[in-house]
Amino acid sequence: MLKILYIIFLSLIVTNCSVKKVVKHHGVPFLEKKQKSLIINKTNKNDIKKILGEPSTKSKFDNDIWIYIERKQTQSELKNFGKMKIYKNDVLVLDIDNYGILRKKEFYNKDDMKNIKMVKSTTESGFERNTFVYNFMSSMKQKINDPLGQRAKKRKEISQR
């Protein structure tokens, strides 16, 4: 009787365990298929919104560049303690002209993104102590903090003592 209970218990555990991996999906599903239906110089903004929905992001500098993202993650092997691993990462960049017609489209997948070179240089801050801008901003700060000049008078009195 005990053996039968063990068998039933083990079979319940095994049947409830899933063989399929858990997939986390973010963005537009089937982006690669959907982007093929977009035709340059023919598709307009409304058609794009019908096919792909609202863009994930719009360009900060130019509102006529729309970016769509599709990303899929799954858990890696047990040896990596179940950390999430990206197995699909697609980006679609659409350039739309002033009339709302698709001018250009660029599709990047995970392999294409490995070939993109990032610039490693940084911009130096041009704020030195002896510049006109620094002197002007310092005087403005001083005037904001002490508009009547009372602190300067007190410092002068203390230093004369």
C-alpha atoms as a PDB file:
ATOM      1  CA  MET A   1       0.000   0.000   0.000  1.00  0.00           C
ATOM      2  CA  LEU A   2       2.839   2.351   0.868  1.00  0.00           C
ATOM      3  CA  LYS A   3       4.494   1.692  -2.501  1.00  0.00           C
ATOM      4  CA  ILE A   4       1.312   2.658  -4.315  1.00  0.00           C
ATOM      5  CA  LEU A   5       1.149   5.955  -2.406  1.00  0.00           C
ATOM      6  CA  TYR A   6       4.784   6.683  -3.298  1.00  0.00           C
ATOM      7  CA  ILE A   7       4.078   5.957  -6.957  1.00  0.00           C
ATOM      8  CA  ILE A   8       0.986   8.183  -6.970  1.00  0.00           C
ATOM      9  CA  PHE A   9       2.870  10.971  -5.175  1.00  0.00           C
ATOM     10  CA  LEU A  10       5.832  10.827  -7.583  1.00  0.00           C
ATOM     11  CA  SER A  11       3.565  10.695 -10.626  1.00  0.00           C
ATOM     12  CA  LEU A  12       1.734  13.823  -9.419  1.00  0.00           C
ATOM     13  CA  ILE A  13       5.030  15.668  -8.978  1.00  0.00           C
ATOM     14  CA  VAL A  14       6.351  14.593 -12.377  1.00  0.00           C
ATOM     15  CA  THR A  15       3.145  15.445 -14.227  1.00  0.00           C
ATOM     16  CA  ASN A  16       2.969  18.907 -12.674  1.00  0.00           C
ATOM     17  CA  CYS A  17       6.554  19.756 -13.602  1.00  0.00           C
ATOM     18  CA  SER A  18       6.716  21.559 -16.886  1.00  0.00           C
ATOM     19  CA  VAL A  19       9.264  20.695 -19.537  1.00  0.00           C
ATOM     20  CA  LYS A  20       8.707  23.977 -21.354  1.00  0.00           C
ATOM     21  CA  LYS A  21      10.899  26.905 -20.377  1.00  0.00           C
ATOM     22  CA  VAL A  22       9.304  30.059 -19.002  1.00  0.00           C
ATOM     23  CA  VAL A  23       9.491  32.861 -21.579  1.00  0.00           C
ATOM     24  CA  LYS A  24       9.191  36.539 -20.653  1.00  0.00           C
ATOM     25  CA  HIS A  25       8.119  38.657 -23.597  1.00  0.00           C
ATOM     26  CA  HIS A  26       8.474  42.440 -23.873  1.00  0.00           C
ATOM     27  CA  GLY A  27       7.429  44.685 -26.740  1.00  0.00           C
ATOM     28  CA  VAL A  28       5.733  43.923 -30.051  1.00  0.00           C
ATOM     29  CA  PRO A  29       5.239  40.183 -30.707  1.00  0.00           C
ATOM     30  CA  PHE A  30       6.382  38.855 -34.108  1.00  0.00           C
ATOM     31  CA  LEU A  31       8.109  42.134 -34.973  1.00  0.00           C
ATOM     32  CA  GLU A  32      10.170  40.576 -37.760  1.00  0.00           C
ATOM     33  CA  LYS A  33       7.081  39.263 -39.586  1.00  0.00           C
ATOM     34  CA  LYS A  34       5.057  42.428 -39.086  1.00  0.00           C
ATOM     35  CA  GLN A  35       7.798  44.762 -40.317  1.00  0.00           C
ATOM     36  CA  LYS A  36       7.806  42.996 -43.697  1.00  0.00           C
ATOM     37  CA  SER A  37       4.302  44.336 -44.380  1.00  0.00           C
ATOM     38  CA  LEU A  38       5.525  47.948 -44.050  1.00  0.00           C
ATOM     39  CA  ILE A  39       6.248  49.401 -47.505  1.00  0.00           C
ATOM     40  CA  ILE A  40       8.607  52.362 -47.884  1.00  0.00           C
ATOM     41  CA  ASN A  41       7.049  55.479 -49.510  1.00  0.00           C
ATOM     42  CA  LYS A  42       3.569  53.912 -49.257  1.00  0.00           C
ATOM     43  CA  THR A  43       2.756  53.089 -45.610  1.00  0.00           C
ATOM     44  CA  ASN A  44       1.594  55.994 -43.439  1.00  0.00           C
ATOM     45  CA  LYS A  45       1.507  56.592 -39.670  1.00  0.00           C
ATOM     46  CA  ASN A  46      -2.015  55.208 -39.274  1.00  0.00           C
ATOM     47  CA  ASP A  47      -1.099  51.980 -41.085  1.00  0.00           C
ATOM     48  CA  ILE A  48       1.978  51.592 -38.888  1.00  0.00           C
ATOM     49  CA  LYS A  49      -0.099  52.044 -35.732  1.00  0.00           C
ATOM     50  CA  LYS A  50      -2.627  49.471 -37.006  1.00  0.00           C
ATOM     51  CA  ILE A  51       0.071  46.889 -37.720  1.00  0.00           C
ATOM     52  CA  LEU A  52       2.514  47.487 -34.844  1.00  0.00           C
ATOM     53  CA  GLY A  53       0.624  49.621 -32.340  1.00  0.00           C
ATOM     54  CA  GLU A  54       2.112  52.617 -30.569  1.00  0.00           C
ATOM     55  CA  PRO A  55       5.926  52.835 -30.738  1.00  0.00           C
ATOM     56  CA  SER A  56       8.026  51.755 -27.772  1.00  0.00           C
ATOM     57  CA  THR A  57       9.896  55.057 -27.957  1.00  0.00           C
ATOM     58  CA  LYS A  58      10.007  58.128 -30.148  1.00  0.00           C
ATOM     59  CA  SER A  59      13.156  60.080 -30.893  1.00  0.00           C
ATOM     60  CA  LYS A  60      13.821  62.885 -28.427  1.00  0.00           C
ATOM     61  CA  PHE A  61      15.276  65.132 -31.125  1.00  0.00           C
ATOM     62  CA  ASP A  62      12.925  64.345 -33.977  1.00  0.00           C
ATOM     63  CA  ASN A  63       9.368  63.071 -33.446  1.00  0.00           C
ATOM     64  CA  ASP A  64       9.412  61.440 -36.872  1.00  0.00           C
ATOM     65  CA  ILE A  65      11.635  58.526 -35.775  1.00  0.00           C
ATOM     66  CA  TRP A  66       9.740  55.680 -34.128  1.00  0.00           C
ATOM     67  CA  ILE A  67      11.424  52.724 -32.428  1.00  0.00           C
ATOM     68  CA  TYR A  68       9.765  49.354 -31.836  1.00  0.00           C
ATOM     69  CA  ILE A  69      11.310  46.665 -29.623  1.00  0.00           C
ATOM     70  CA  GLU A  70      10.769  42.937 -29.205  1.00  0.00           C
ATOM     71  CA  ARG A  71      12.654  41.074 -26.497  1.00  0.00           C
ATOM     72  CA  LYS A  72      12.307  37.519 -25.248  1.00  0.00           C
ATOM     73  CA  GLN A  73      14.038  36.103 -22.185  1.00  0.00           C
ATOM     74  CA  THR A  74      14.123  32.634 -20.739  1.00  0.00           C
ATOM     75  CA  GLN A  75      15.783  31.014 -17.770  1.00  0.00           C
ATOM     76  CA  SER A  76      19.229  29.649 -18.454  1.00  0.00           C
ATOM     77  CA  GLU A  77      20.518  26.287 -17.304  1.00  0.00           C
ATOM     78  CA  LEU A  78      20.508  25.137 -13.706  1.00  0.00           C
ATOM     79  CA  LYS A  79      24.272  25.711 -13.433  1.00  0.00           C
ATOM     80  CA  ASN A  80      23.673  29.478 -13.829  1.00  0.00           C
ATOM     81  CA  PHE A  81      21.110  29.406 -11.001  1.00  0.00           C
ATOM     82  CA  GLY A  82      18.197  30.298 -13.272  1.00  0.00           C
ATOM     83  CA  LYS A  83      19.428  33.715 -14.394  1.00  0.00           C
ATOM     84  CA  MET A  84      17.436  35.142 -17.270  1.00  0.00           C
ATOM     85  CA  LYS A  85      19.041  34.858 -20.698  1.00  0.00           C
ATOM     86  CA  ILE A  86      18.050  36.972 -23.716  1.00  0.00           C
ATOM     87  CA  TYR A  87      17.476  34.790 -26.750  1.00  0.00           C
ATOM     88  CA  LYS A  88      15.623  37.266 -28.985  1.00  0.00           C
ATOM     89  CA  ASN A  89      16.275  40.992 -29.131  1.00  0.00           C
ATOM     90  CA  ASP A  90      14.890  42.807 -32.199  1.00  0.00           C
ATOM     91  CA  VAL A  91      14.691  46.546 -32.834  1.00  0.00           C
ATOM     92  CA  LEU A  92      12.869  48.283 -35.690  1.00  0.00           C
ATOM     93  CA  VAL A  93      13.672  51.941 -36.434  1.00  0.00           C
ATOM     94  CA  LEU A  94      11.183  53.779 -38.652  1.00  0.00           C
ATOM     95  CA  ASP A  95      11.871  57.189 -40.190  1.00  0.00           C
ATOM     96  CA  ILE A  96       8.696  59.063 -41.153  1.00  0.00           C
ATOM     97  CA  ASP A  97       8.669  62.186 -43.361  1.00  0.00           C
ATOM     98  CA  ASN A  98       6.724  65.428 -42.739  1.00  0.00           C
ATOM     99  CA  TYR A  99       3.658  64.085 -44.567  1.00  0.00           C
ATOM    100  CA  GLY A 100       3.398  60.996 -42.341  1.00  0.00           C
ATOM    101  CA  ILE A 101       4.716  58.528 -44.954  1.00  0.00           C
ATOM    102  CA  LEU A 102       7.336  55.892 -44.089  1.00  0.00           C
ATOM    103  CA  ARG A 103      10.647  57.114 -45.515  1.00  0.00           C
ATOM    104  CA  LYS A 104      13.090  54.496 -44.217  1.00  0.00           C
ATOM    105  CA  LYS A 105      13.078  51.390 -42.028  1.00  0.00           C
ATOM    106  CA  GLU A 106      15.967  49.587 -40.369  1.00  0.00           C
ATOM    107  CA  PHE A 107      15.623  46.238 -38.639  1.00  0.00           C
ATOM    108  CA  TYR A 108      18.256  45.003 -36.183  1.00  0.00           C
ATOM    109  CA  ASN A 109      18.331  41.578 -34.579  1.00  0.00           C
ATOM    110  CA  LYS A 110      20.522  40.256 -31.778  1.00  0.00           C
ATOM    111  CA  ASP A 111      23.419  39.407 -34.118  1.00  0.00           C
ATOM    112  CA  ASP A 112      23.343  42.817 -35.836  1.00  0.00           C
ATOM    113  CA  MET A 113      23.624  44.570 -32.485  1.00  0.00           C
ATOM    114  CA  LYS A 114      26.909  42.815 -31.752  1.00  0.00           C
ATOM    115  CA  ASN A 115      28.391  44.572 -34.799  1.00  0.00           C
ATOM    116  CA  ILE A 116      27.354  48.072 -33.698  1.00  0.00           C
ATOM    117  CA  LYS A 117      30.349  49.998 -32.367  1.00  0.00           C
ATOM    118  CA  MET A 118      29.834  52.275 -29.378  1.00  0.00           C
ATOM    119  CA  VAL A 119      31.970  55.353 -28.905  1.00  0.00           C
ATOM    120  CA  LYS A 120      33.957  55.177 -25.674  1.00  0.00           C
ATOM    121  CA  SER A 121      35.087  58.797 -25.520  1.00  0.00           C
ATOM    122  CA  THR A 122      33.510  61.161 -23.033  1.00  0.00           C
ATOM    123  CA  THR A 123      32.776  64.849 -23.140  1.00  0.00           C
ATOM    124  CA  GLU A 124      34.864  67.029 -20.860  1.00  0.00           C
ATOM    125  CA  SER A 125      33.054  69.663 -18.862  1.00  0.00           C
ATOM    126  CA  GLY A 126      34.099  73.096 -20.034  1.00  0.00           C
ATOM    127  CA  PHE A 127      33.557  74.789 -16.690  1.00  0.00           C
ATOM    128  CA  GLU A 128      36.826  76.233 -15.422  1.00  0.00           C
ATOM    129  CA  ARG A 129      37.178  78.692 -12.579  1.00  0.00           C
ATOM    130  CA  ASN A 130      38.562  81.588 -14.600  1.00  0.00           C
ATOM    131  CA  THR A 131      35.907  81.742 -17.305  1.00  0.00           C
ATOM    132  CA  PHE A 132      33.305  84.428 -17.791  1.00  0.00           C
ATOM    133  CA  VAL A 133      30.427  81.945 -17.352  1.00  0.00           C
ATOM    134  CA  TYR A 134      31.844  80.650 -14.051  1.00  0.00           C
ATOM    135  CA  ASN A 135      32.312  84.175 -12.679  1.00  0.00           C
ATOM    136  CA  PHE A 136      28.844  85.235 -13.796  1.00  0.00           C
ATOM    137  CA  MET A 137      27.148  82.163 -12.295  1.00  0.00           C
ATOM    138  CA  SER A 138      29.093  82.575  -9.037  1.00  0.00           C
ATOM    139  CA  SER A 139      27.996  86.175  -8.672  1.00  0.00           C
ATOM    140  CA  MET A 140      24.377  85.221  -9.421  1.00  0.00           C
ATOM    141  CA  LYS A 141      24.543  82.464  -6.800  1.00  0.00           C
ATOM    142  CA  GLN A 142      25.939  84.895  -4.268  1.00  0.00           C
ATOM    143  CA  LYS A 143      23.192  87.441  -5.032  1.00  0.00           C
ATOM    144  CA  ILE A 144      20.489  84.787  -4.689  1.00  0.00           C
ATOM    145  CA  ASN A 145      21.843  83.534  -1.363  1.00  0.00           C
ATOM    146  CA  ASP A 146      22.494  87.030   0.069  1.00  0.00           C
ATOM    147  CA  PRO A 147      20.526  89.681  -1.857  1.00  0.00           C
ATOM    148  CA  LEU A 148      21.206  92.547   0.580  1.00  0.00           C
ATOM    149  CA  GLY A 149      24.872  91.728   1.187  1.00  0.00           C
ATOM    150  CA  GLN A 150      24.372  91.220   4.947  1.00  0.00           C
ATOM    151  CA  ARG A 151      26.554  88.113   5.157  1.00  0.00           C
ATOM    152  CA  ALA A 152      29.486  89.888   3.529  1.00  0.00           C
ATOM    153  CA  LYS A 153      29.267  92.699   6.106  1.00  0.00           C
ATOM    154  CA  LYS A 154      29.212  90.213   9.002  1.00  0.00           C
ATOM    155  CA  ARG A 155      32.233  88.383   7.606  1.00  0.00           C
ATOM    156  CA  LYS A 156      34.089  91.671   7.290  1.00  0.00           C
ATOM    157  CA  GLU A 157      33.297  92.590  10.944  1.00  0.00           C
ATOM    158  CA  ILE A 158      34.420  89.183  12.190  1.00  0.00           C
ATOM    159  CA  SER A 159      37.667  89.311  10.240  1.00  0.00           C
ATOM    160  CA  GLN A 160      38.484  92.832  11.637  1.00  0.00           C
ATOM    161  CA  ARG A 161      38.163  91.669  15.271  1.00  0.00           C
END
